[in-house]
Amino acid sequence: MKIERAKHFRGRFTLPGDKSISHRAAILGAMAEGRTRVRVGGASPTVTCTCPSHAGAKAPAPSEQIKVEKAKGADAYTVFEAYEKAGKLDKKTVVVRGKVVKVSKGIMGKNWVHLRDGSGDPGKGTNNLVVTTQDVPKVGDVVTAKGTLYKDKDFGAGYLYKVVVEEATVKQ
């Protein structure tokens, strides 16, 4: 039997009750987009589940209305336009202004910042843009990110992004 790596997965998974697996599920869930629910037993995995919030990771309530004015200039795009024009913008500099809704610090030597500006479709995932940076904005900040856009970027281990902005500077 040959088992090949999946590019990504979605759905409900039931794994055996194992502390090590519970820790990994909590950590991966903290980095994932959307909602992750991990049922854990015991104190140790439960503490792991609370770590992201202590580190500042938050996401807006689904009912929160976000409306951020588009950045100015020739390389300026809305979050939705970054997805819509990804083929043309691949490996090009872009500037996007948005509200920080999630920050995951120090993963693969980068900080992973999720931006939303009110554009795009939540059902299609075109309303949230992931930006990698060495800067550390706070959740709730309205920032301008300038970096290189990559289309269909595969970081391995199932982390595939339709659009990601890499090596960005993030300023308020």
N, C-alpha and C. Protein backbone atom coordinates (compact mmCIF):
# COMPACT_ATOMS: atom_id res chain seq x y z
N MET A 1 0.84 -1.17 0.00
CA MET A 1 0.00 0.00 0.00
C MET A 1 0.89 1.24 0.00
N LYS A 2 0.55 2.21 -0.84
CA LYS A 2 1.30 3.45 -0.92
C LYS A 2 0.40 4.59 -0.45
N ILE A 3 0.91 5.38 0.49
CA ILE A 3 0.16 6.54 0.99
C ILE A 3 0.88 7.79 0.52
N GLU A 4 0.13 8.68 -0.15
CA GLU A 4 0.72 9.92 -0.64
C GLU A 4 0.20 11.09 0.18
N ARG A 5 1.02 12.13 0.24
CA ARG A 5 0.67 13.33 0.98
C ARG A 5 -0.50 14.04 0.33
N ALA A 6 -1.46 14.46 1.14
CA ALA A 6 -2.59 15.25 0.65
C ALA A 6 -2.20 16.71 0.59
N LYS A 7 -2.67 17.42 -0.44
CA LYS A 7 -2.35 18.84 -0.53
C LYS A 7 -3.09 19.63 0.54
N HIS A 8 -4.32 19.26 0.86
CA HIS A 8 -5.07 19.87 1.94
C HIS A 8 -6.24 18.97 2.27
N PHE A 9 -6.83 19.20 3.45
CA PHE A 9 -7.97 18.39 3.84
C PHE A 9 -8.99 19.25 4.54
N ARG A 10 -10.22 18.76 4.53
CA ARG A 10 -11.33 19.48 5.14
C ARG A 10 -12.33 18.44 5.61
N GLY A 11 -12.94 18.69 6.75
CA GLY A 11 -13.96 17.78 7.23
C GLY A 11 -13.81 17.49 8.69
N ARG A 12 -14.44 16.42 9.13
CA ARG A 12 -14.40 16.01 10.53
C ARG A 12 -13.55 14.77 10.65
N PHE A 13 -12.63 14.80 11.59
CA PHE A 13 -11.71 13.69 11.80
C PHE A 13 -11.78 13.26 13.26
N THR A 14 -11.84 11.97 13.48
CA THR A 14 -11.81 11.44 14.84
C THR A 14 -10.55 10.62 14.98
N LEU A 15 -9.70 11.05 15.90
CA LEU A 15 -8.43 10.38 16.13
C LEU A 15 -8.45 9.72 17.51
N PRO A 16 -7.58 8.76 17.72
CA PRO A 16 -7.53 8.13 19.04
C PRO A 16 -7.15 9.15 20.10
N GLY A 17 -7.62 8.95 21.33
CA GLY A 17 -7.32 9.84 22.44
C GLY A 17 -5.85 9.78 22.81
N ASP A 18 -5.07 10.69 22.28
CA ASP A 18 -3.63 10.68 22.50
C ASP A 18 -3.20 12.11 22.78
N LYS A 19 -2.48 12.33 23.87
CA LYS A 19 -2.07 13.68 24.25
C LYS A 19 -1.24 14.35 23.16
N SER A 20 -0.31 13.63 22.56
CA SER A 20 0.56 14.19 21.54
C SER A 20 -0.26 14.66 20.33
N ILE A 21 -1.23 13.86 19.91
CA ILE A 21 -2.08 14.24 18.78
C ILE A 21 -2.94 15.44 19.15
N SER A 22 -3.44 15.48 20.39
CA SER A 22 -4.25 16.61 20.83
C SER A 22 -3.44 17.90 20.79
N HIS A 23 -2.18 17.85 21.23
CA HIS A 23 -1.32 19.04 21.17
C HIS A 23 -1.16 19.51 19.74
N ARG A 24 -0.86 18.59 18.84
CA ARG A 24 -0.65 18.96 17.44
C ARG A 24 -1.92 19.52 16.81
N ALA A 25 -3.06 18.92 17.11
CA ALA A 25 -4.33 19.41 16.57
C ALA A 25 -4.61 20.83 17.04
N ALA A 26 -4.32 21.11 18.30
CA ALA A 26 -4.53 22.47 18.84
C ALA A 26 -3.60 23.47 18.17
N ILE A 27 -2.36 23.09 17.95
CA ILE A 27 -1.39 24.00 17.32
C ILE A 27 -1.75 24.24 15.86
N LEU A 28 -2.07 23.19 15.12
CA LEU A 28 -2.45 23.35 13.71
C LEU A 28 -3.73 24.15 13.58
N GLY A 29 -4.67 23.92 14.49
CA GLY A 29 -5.92 24.68 14.48
C GLY A 29 -5.69 26.16 14.70
N ALA A 30 -4.71 26.49 15.53
CA ALA A 30 -4.40 27.90 15.79
C ALA A 30 -3.85 28.58 14.55
N MET A 31 -3.19 27.83 13.68
CA MET A 31 -2.61 28.40 12.46
C MET A 31 -3.59 28.38 11.29
N ALA A 32 -4.63 27.58 11.39
CA ALA A 32 -5.56 27.39 10.27
C ALA A 32 -6.52 28.57 10.14
N GLU A 33 -7.08 28.70 8.95
CA GLU A 33 -8.14 29.67 8.74
C GLU A 33 -9.45 28.99 9.10
N GLY A 34 -10.41 29.78 9.53
CA GLY A 34 -11.71 29.23 9.88
C GLY A 34 -11.74 28.67 11.28
N ARG A 35 -12.77 27.91 11.56
CA ARG A 35 -12.99 27.41 12.91
C ARG A 35 -12.41 26.01 13.05
N THR A 36 -11.74 25.78 14.16
CA THR A 36 -11.23 24.46 14.49
C THR A 36 -11.75 24.09 15.86
N ARG A 37 -12.28 22.89 15.99
CA ARG A 37 -12.76 22.43 17.28
C ARG A 37 -11.98 21.17 17.65
N VAL A 38 -11.30 21.22 18.78
CA VAL A 38 -10.52 20.09 19.26
C VAL A 38 -11.08 19.70 20.62
N ARG A 39 -11.48 18.46 20.75
CA ARG A 39 -11.92 17.95 22.05
C ARG A 39 -10.72 17.27 22.69
N VAL A 40 -10.34 17.76 23.85
CA VAL A 40 -9.17 17.22 24.52
C VAL A 40 -9.54 16.72 25.91
N GLY A 41 -8.71 15.83 26.40
CA GLY A 41 -8.88 15.35 27.76
C GLY A 41 -7.59 15.60 28.52
N GLY A 42 -7.71 15.96 29.76
CA GLY A 42 -6.52 16.19 30.57
C GLY A 42 -6.09 17.64 30.55
N ALA A 43 -5.29 18.02 31.53
CA ALA A 43 -4.89 19.41 31.70
C ALA A 43 -3.89 19.87 30.66
N SER A 44 -2.93 19.03 30.29
CA SER A 44 -1.85 19.47 29.41
C SER A 44 -2.34 19.94 28.04
N PRO A 45 -3.14 19.13 27.29
CA PRO A 45 -3.64 19.62 26.00
C PRO A 45 -4.58 20.82 26.16
N THR A 46 -5.32 20.88 27.25
CA THR A 46 -6.22 22.01 27.48
C THR A 46 -5.43 23.30 27.59
N VAL A 47 -4.30 23.26 28.28
CA VAL A 47 -3.44 24.44 28.38
C VAL A 47 -2.92 24.83 27.00
N THR A 48 -2.53 23.86 26.19
CA THR A 48 -2.06 24.15 24.83
C THR A 48 -3.13 24.90 24.04
N CYS A 49 -4.40 24.53 24.22
CA CYS A 49 -5.49 25.17 23.49
C CYS A 49 -5.64 26.65 23.87
N THR A 50 -5.23 27.02 25.06
CA THR A 50 -5.36 28.42 25.47
C THR A 50 -4.16 29.27 25.08
N CYS A 51 -3.05 28.64 24.68
CA CYS A 51 -1.82 29.39 24.37
C CYS A 51 -2.00 30.43 23.26
N PRO A 52 -2.66 30.11 22.13
CA PRO A 52 -2.76 31.11 21.07
C PRO A 52 -3.42 32.41 21.54
N SER A 53 -4.46 32.32 22.37
CA SER A 53 -5.11 33.54 22.83
C SER A 53 -4.19 34.34 23.74
N HIS A 54 -3.35 33.67 24.54
CA HIS A 54 -2.39 34.38 25.39
C HIS A 54 -1.32 35.06 24.56
N ALA A 55 -1.06 34.53 23.37
CA ALA A 55 -0.05 35.12 22.48
C ALA A 55 -0.65 36.21 21.58
N GLY A 56 -1.95 36.47 21.73
CA GLY A 56 -2.58 37.55 20.97
C GLY A 56 -3.36 37.10 19.75
N ALA A 57 -3.48 35.80 19.50
CA ALA A 57 -4.22 35.32 18.33
C ALA A 57 -5.72 35.47 18.59
N LYS A 58 -6.36 36.24 17.74
CA LYS A 58 -7.81 36.44 17.85
C LYS A 58 -8.36 36.55 16.44
N ALA A 59 -9.62 36.27 16.30
CA ALA A 59 -10.30 36.48 15.03
C ALA A 59 -11.59 37.22 15.31
N PRO A 60 -12.05 38.02 14.38
CA PRO A 60 -13.27 38.77 14.65
C PRO A 60 -14.48 37.86 14.69
N ALA A 61 -15.49 38.29 15.39
CA ALA A 61 -16.76 37.56 15.39
C ALA A 61 -17.30 37.59 13.97
N PRO A 62 -17.95 36.49 13.51
CA PRO A 62 -18.43 36.45 12.14
C PRO A 62 -19.32 37.63 11.77
N SER A 63 -20.02 38.21 12.75
CA SER A 63 -20.94 39.30 12.45
C SER A 63 -20.23 40.66 12.37
N GLU A 64 -18.95 40.72 12.72
CA GLU A 64 -18.23 41.99 12.71
C GLU A 64 -18.10 42.51 11.29
N GLN A 65 -18.54 43.73 11.08
CA GLN A 65 -18.40 44.37 9.77
C GLN A 65 -17.06 45.08 9.71
N ILE A 66 -16.26 44.75 8.71
CA ILE A 66 -14.97 45.40 8.53
C ILE A 66 -15.05 46.19 7.24
N LYS A 67 -14.65 47.46 7.31
CA LYS A 67 -14.61 48.31 6.12
C LYS A 67 -13.37 49.18 6.22
N VAL A 68 -12.38 48.89 5.38
CA VAL A 68 -11.13 49.62 5.39
C VAL A 68 -10.90 50.18 3.99
N GLU A 69 -10.55 51.46 3.93
CA GLU A 69 -10.30 52.12 2.65
C GLU A 69 -9.07 51.51 1.97
N LYS A 70 -9.15 51.36 0.67
CA LYS A 70 -8.06 50.81 -0.13
C LYS A 70 -6.82 51.69 -0.03
N ALA A 71 -5.63 51.06 -0.03
CA ALA A 71 -4.36 51.79 -0.05
C ALA A 71 -4.28 52.62 -1.34
N LYS A 72 -3.42 53.61 -1.33
CA LYS A 72 -3.25 54.48 -2.51
C LYS A 72 -2.00 54.06 -3.29
N GLY A 73 -2.00 54.34 -4.58
CA GLY A 73 -0.82 54.10 -5.40
C GLY A 73 -1.03 53.04 -6.47
N ALA A 74 -0.05 52.94 -7.36
CA ALA A 74 -0.12 52.05 -8.52
C ALA A 74 -0.16 50.57 -8.12
N ASP A 75 0.50 50.19 -7.03
CA ASP A 75 0.56 48.79 -6.61
C ASP A 75 -0.50 48.44 -5.57
N ALA A 76 -1.48 49.33 -5.35
CA ALA A 76 -2.49 49.14 -4.30
C ALA A 76 -3.65 48.28 -4.79
N TYR A 77 -4.05 47.34 -3.91
CA TYR A 77 -5.15 46.43 -4.23
C TYR A 77 -5.96 46.18 -2.96
N THR A 78 -7.24 45.84 -3.15
CA THR A 78 -8.04 45.36 -2.03
C THR A 78 -7.70 43.88 -1.83
N VAL A 79 -8.16 43.32 -0.73
CA VAL A 79 -7.95 41.90 -0.48
C VAL A 79 -8.55 41.09 -1.63
N PHE A 80 -9.79 41.40 -2.02
CA PHE A 80 -10.43 40.66 -3.10
C PHE A 80 -9.68 40.82 -4.42
N GLU A 81 -9.21 42.03 -4.72
CA GLU A 81 -8.47 42.25 -5.97
C GLU A 81 -7.18 41.42 -6.00
N ALA A 82 -6.56 41.21 -4.84
CA ALA A 82 -5.36 40.37 -4.80
C ALA A 82 -5.69 38.96 -5.27
N TYR A 83 -6.84 38.43 -4.86
CA TYR A 83 -7.27 37.10 -5.32
C TYR A 83 -7.68 37.15 -6.79
N GLU A 84 -8.50 38.14 -7.14
CA GLU A 84 -9.04 38.25 -8.49
C GLU A 84 -7.95 38.41 -9.55
N LYS A 85 -6.87 39.12 -9.21
CA LYS A 85 -5.81 39.42 -10.17
C LYS A 85 -4.52 38.65 -9.87
N ALA A 86 -4.63 37.57 -9.11
CA ALA A 86 -3.45 36.82 -8.66
C ALA A 86 -2.58 36.35 -9.83
N GLY A 87 -3.19 35.91 -10.92
CA GLY A 87 -2.42 35.44 -12.07
C GLY A 87 -1.51 36.53 -12.63
N LYS A 88 -2.02 37.75 -12.70
CA LYS A 88 -1.26 38.88 -13.23
C LYS A 88 -0.25 39.40 -12.19
N LEU A 89 -0.58 39.25 -10.91
CA LEU A 89 0.26 39.82 -9.84
C LEU A 89 1.29 38.85 -9.28
N ASP A 90 1.28 37.60 -9.72
CA ASP A 90 2.20 36.59 -9.20
C ASP A 90 3.64 37.08 -9.27
N LYS A 91 4.32 37.06 -8.13
CA LYS A 91 5.72 37.46 -7.98
C LYS A 91 5.95 38.96 -8.21
N LYS A 92 4.89 39.74 -8.02
CA LYS A 92 4.98 41.20 -8.15
C LYS A 92 4.71 41.86 -6.80
N THR A 93 5.20 43.08 -6.64
CA THR A 93 4.98 43.85 -5.41
C THR A 93 3.54 44.35 -5.37
N VAL A 94 2.91 44.18 -4.22
CA VAL A 94 1.56 44.69 -4.00
C VAL A 94 1.53 45.44 -2.67
N VAL A 95 0.55 46.34 -2.56
CA VAL A 95 0.29 47.07 -1.33
C VAL A 95 -1.18 46.86 -0.99
N VAL A 96 -1.43 46.36 0.22
CA VAL A 96 -2.81 46.08 0.66
C VAL A 96 -3.00 46.69 2.04
N ARG A 97 -4.13 47.35 2.22
CA ARG A 97 -4.47 47.94 3.51
C ARG A 97 -5.62 47.14 4.09
N GLY A 98 -5.53 46.79 5.38
CA GLY A 98 -6.59 46.02 6.00
C GLY A 98 -6.49 46.00 7.51
N LYS A 99 -7.50 45.41 8.11
CA LYS A 99 -7.55 45.25 9.56
C LYS A 99 -6.93 43.90 9.93
N VAL A 100 -6.05 43.91 10.91
CA VAL A 100 -5.41 42.68 11.37
C VAL A 100 -6.44 41.89 12.19
N VAL A 101 -6.74 40.66 11.73
CA VAL A 101 -7.72 39.83 12.43
C VAL A 101 -7.09 38.63 13.13
N LYS A 102 -5.82 38.33 12.78
CA LYS A 102 -5.14 37.21 13.41
C LYS A 102 -3.64 37.38 13.19
N VAL A 103 -2.85 37.06 14.22
CA VAL A 103 -1.40 37.08 14.11
C VAL A 103 -0.86 35.79 14.71
N SER A 104 -0.10 35.03 13.93
CA SER A 104 0.59 33.83 14.42
C SER A 104 2.08 34.13 14.34
N LYS A 105 2.71 34.22 15.51
CA LYS A 105 4.10 34.68 15.59
C LYS A 105 5.11 33.53 15.51
N GLY A 106 6.22 33.80 14.82
CA GLY A 106 7.39 32.93 14.85
C GLY A 106 7.21 31.55 14.26
N ILE A 107 6.40 31.42 13.24
CA ILE A 107 6.22 30.13 12.57
C ILE A 107 7.07 30.14 11.30
N MET A 108 7.98 29.18 11.19
CA MET A 108 8.91 29.10 10.06
C MET A 108 9.72 30.40 9.95
N GLY A 109 10.03 31.01 11.10
CA GLY A 109 10.84 32.22 11.11
C GLY A 109 10.12 33.47 10.65
N LYS A 110 8.78 33.41 10.60
CA LYS A 110 7.99 34.54 10.11
C LYS A 110 6.79 34.74 11.03
N ASN A 111 6.21 35.93 10.94
CA ASN A 111 4.92 36.20 11.58
C ASN A 111 3.87 36.17 10.48
N TRP A 112 2.77 35.46 10.74
CA TRP A 112 1.71 35.27 9.76
C TRP A 112 0.54 36.15 10.17
N VAL A 113 0.26 37.15 9.34
CA VAL A 113 -0.75 38.17 9.65
C VAL A 113 -1.93 38.00 8.69
N HIS A 114 -3.12 37.94 9.24
CA HIS A 114 -4.33 37.84 8.43
C HIS A 114 -4.98 39.21 8.35
N LEU A 115 -5.20 39.68 7.12
CA LEU A 115 -5.81 40.99 6.89
C LEU A 115 -7.16 40.86 6.22
N ARG A 116 -8.08 41.73 6.63
CA ARG A 116 -9.39 41.84 5.97
C ARG A 116 -9.70 43.32 5.78
N ASP A 117 -10.37 43.62 4.67
CA ASP A 117 -10.74 45.02 4.40
C ASP A 117 -12.23 45.19 4.10
N GLY A 118 -12.98 44.10 4.17
CA GLY A 118 -14.40 44.16 3.88
C GLY A 118 -14.73 43.71 2.46
N SER A 119 -13.72 43.51 1.63
CA SER A 119 -13.96 43.04 0.27
C SER A 119 -13.87 41.51 0.25
N GLY A 120 -14.30 40.93 -0.84
CA GLY A 120 -14.20 39.47 -1.00
C GLY A 120 -15.40 38.73 -0.43
N ASP A 121 -15.39 37.44 -0.64
CA ASP A 121 -16.49 36.56 -0.25
C ASP A 121 -16.01 35.56 0.79
N PRO A 122 -16.56 35.64 2.03
CA PRO A 122 -16.14 34.68 3.07
C PRO A 122 -16.36 33.23 2.66
N GLY A 123 -17.41 32.96 1.91
CA GLY A 123 -17.72 31.61 1.47
C GLY A 123 -16.68 31.04 0.51
N LYS A 124 -16.02 31.91 -0.22
CA LYS A 124 -14.98 31.50 -1.18
C LYS A 124 -13.58 31.72 -0.63
N GLY A 125 -13.49 32.30 0.57
CA GLY A 125 -12.18 32.53 1.18
C GLY A 125 -11.40 33.67 0.56
N THR A 126 -12.08 34.55 -0.17
CA THR A 126 -11.39 35.67 -0.82
C THR A 126 -11.48 36.95 -0.01
N ASN A 127 -11.86 36.84 1.25
CA ASN A 127 -11.98 38.01 2.13
C ASN A 127 -10.84 38.12 3.13
N ASN A 128 -9.93 37.17 3.14
CA ASN A 128 -8.85 37.11 4.12
C ASN A 128 -7.52 36.90 3.40
N LEU A 129 -6.60 37.83 3.62
CA LEU A 129 -5.30 37.74 2.96
C LEU A 129 -4.22 37.48 4.01
N VAL A 130 -3.42 36.45 3.77
CA VAL A 130 -2.32 36.11 4.67
C VAL A 130 -1.06 36.81 4.18
N VAL A 131 -0.38 37.46 5.14
CA VAL A 131 0.85 38.20 4.86
C VAL A 131 1.93 37.68 5.80
N THR A 132 3.12 37.36 5.26
CA THR A 132 4.23 36.98 6.14
C THR A 132 5.15 38.19 6.28
N THR A 133 5.67 38.36 7.50
CA THR A 133 6.45 39.55 7.81
C THR A 133 7.31 39.31 9.05
N GLN A 134 8.27 40.18 9.26
CA GLN A 134 9.03 40.19 10.51
C GLN A 134 8.41 41.19 11.49
N ASP A 135 7.50 42.04 11.00
CA ASP A 135 6.80 43.00 11.85
C ASP A 135 5.74 42.27 12.68
N VAL A 136 5.33 42.89 13.79
CA VAL A 136 4.35 42.27 14.68
C VAL A 136 3.22 43.26 14.98
N PRO A 137 2.25 43.38 14.06
CA PRO A 137 1.11 44.25 14.35
C PRO A 137 0.19 43.59 15.38
N LYS A 138 -0.69 44.38 15.94
CA LYS A 138 -1.65 43.86 16.93
C LYS A 138 -2.98 43.57 16.25
N VAL A 139 -3.67 42.57 16.75
CA VAL A 139 -5.02 42.29 16.26
C VAL A 139 -5.87 43.54 16.50
N GLY A 140 -6.59 43.95 15.47
CA GLY A 140 -7.42 45.15 15.55
C GLY A 140 -6.79 46.35 14.88
N ASP A 141 -5.46 46.34 14.68
CA ASP A 141 -4.78 47.44 13.99
C ASP A 141 -5.20 47.49 12.53
N VAL A 142 -5.31 48.70 11.98
CA VAL A 142 -5.47 48.87 10.54
C VAL A 142 -4.09 49.21 10.01
N VAL A 143 -3.60 48.37 9.09
CA VAL A 143 -2.21 48.47 8.62
C VAL A 143 -2.15 48.47 7.09
N THR A 144 -0.99 48.88 6.60
CA THR A 144 -0.68 48.77 5.17
C THR A 144 0.49 47.81 5.03
N ALA A 145 0.29 46.77 4.23
CA ALA A 145 1.32 45.75 4.00
C ALA A 145 1.83 45.88 2.57
N LYS A 146 3.16 45.86 2.44
CA LYS A 146 3.79 45.91 1.12
C LYS A 146 4.75 44.73 1.01
N GLY A 147 4.50 43.86 0.03
CA GLY A 147 5.34 42.69 -0.15
C GLY A 147 5.13 42.07 -1.51
N THR A 148 5.66 40.87 -1.70
CA THR A 148 5.55 40.15 -2.97
C THR A 148 4.41 39.15 -2.90
N LEU A 149 3.49 39.25 -3.84
CA LEU A 149 2.35 38.34 -3.91
C LEU A 149 2.76 37.05 -4.62
N TYR A 150 2.36 35.92 -4.05
CA TYR A 150 2.57 34.61 -4.69
C TYR A 150 1.23 33.92 -4.83
N LYS A 151 1.02 33.35 -5.99
CA LYS A 151 -0.20 32.60 -6.31
C LYS A 151 0.09 31.12 -6.12
N ASP A 152 -0.86 30.40 -5.50
CA ASP A 152 -0.75 28.94 -5.30
C ASP A 152 0.57 28.55 -4.65
N LYS A 153 0.88 29.19 -3.55
CA LYS A 153 2.14 28.93 -2.82
C LYS A 153 1.95 27.73 -1.90
N ASP A 154 2.79 26.73 -2.08
CA ASP A 154 2.74 25.50 -1.30
C ASP A 154 3.93 25.47 -0.34
N PHE A 155 3.65 25.57 0.96
CA PHE A 155 4.70 25.53 1.98
C PHE A 155 4.96 24.10 2.45
N GLY A 156 4.24 23.14 1.91
CA GLY A 156 4.38 21.74 2.33
C GLY A 156 3.49 21.44 3.52
N ALA A 157 3.43 20.17 3.88
CA ALA A 157 2.63 19.69 5.02
C ALA A 157 1.18 20.14 4.95
N GLY A 158 0.66 20.33 3.74
CA GLY A 158 -0.75 20.69 3.58
C GLY A 158 -1.04 22.18 3.64
N TYR A 159 -0.01 23.01 3.75
CA TYR A 159 -0.21 24.46 3.81
C TYR A 159 -0.07 25.05 2.41
N LEU A 160 -1.20 25.14 1.73
CA LEU A 160 -1.27 25.66 0.37
C LEU A 160 -2.13 26.92 0.40
N TYR A 161 -1.60 28.00 -0.12
CA TYR A 161 -2.32 29.27 -0.15
C TYR A 161 -2.60 29.66 -1.59
N LYS A 162 -3.86 29.97 -1.90
CA LYS A 162 -4.19 30.46 -3.24
C LYS A 162 -3.47 31.77 -3.49
N VAL A 163 -3.41 32.62 -2.44
CA VAL A 163 -2.71 33.90 -2.52
C VAL A 163 -2.06 34.15 -1.16
N VAL A 164 -0.80 34.56 -1.18
CA VAL A 164 -0.10 34.97 0.04
C VAL A 164 0.85 36.09 -0.33
N VAL A 165 1.03 37.04 0.58
CA VAL A 165 1.99 38.13 0.36
C VAL A 165 3.16 37.86 1.29
N GLU A 166 4.34 37.68 0.70
CA GLU A 166 5.54 37.28 1.46
C GLU A 166 6.48 38.45 1.69
N GLU A 167 7.28 38.30 2.77
CA GLU A 167 8.35 39.24 3.11
C GLU A 167 7.87 40.69 3.08
N ALA A 168 6.70 40.91 3.68
CA ALA A 168 6.08 42.23 3.66
C ALA A 168 6.59 43.11 4.79
N THR A 169 6.52 44.40 4.54
CA THR A 169 6.63 45.38 5.63
C THR A 169 5.20 45.73 6.00
N VAL A 170 4.94 45.82 7.30
CA VAL A 170 3.59 46.11 7.77
C VAL A 170 3.67 47.35 8.64
N LYS A 171 2.96 48.41 8.23
CA LYS A 171 3.01 49.68 8.95
C LYS A 171 1.59 50.17 9.24
N GLN A 172 1.45 50.87 10.39
CA GLN A 172 0.16 51.46 10.73
C GLN A 172 -0.07 52.72 9.97
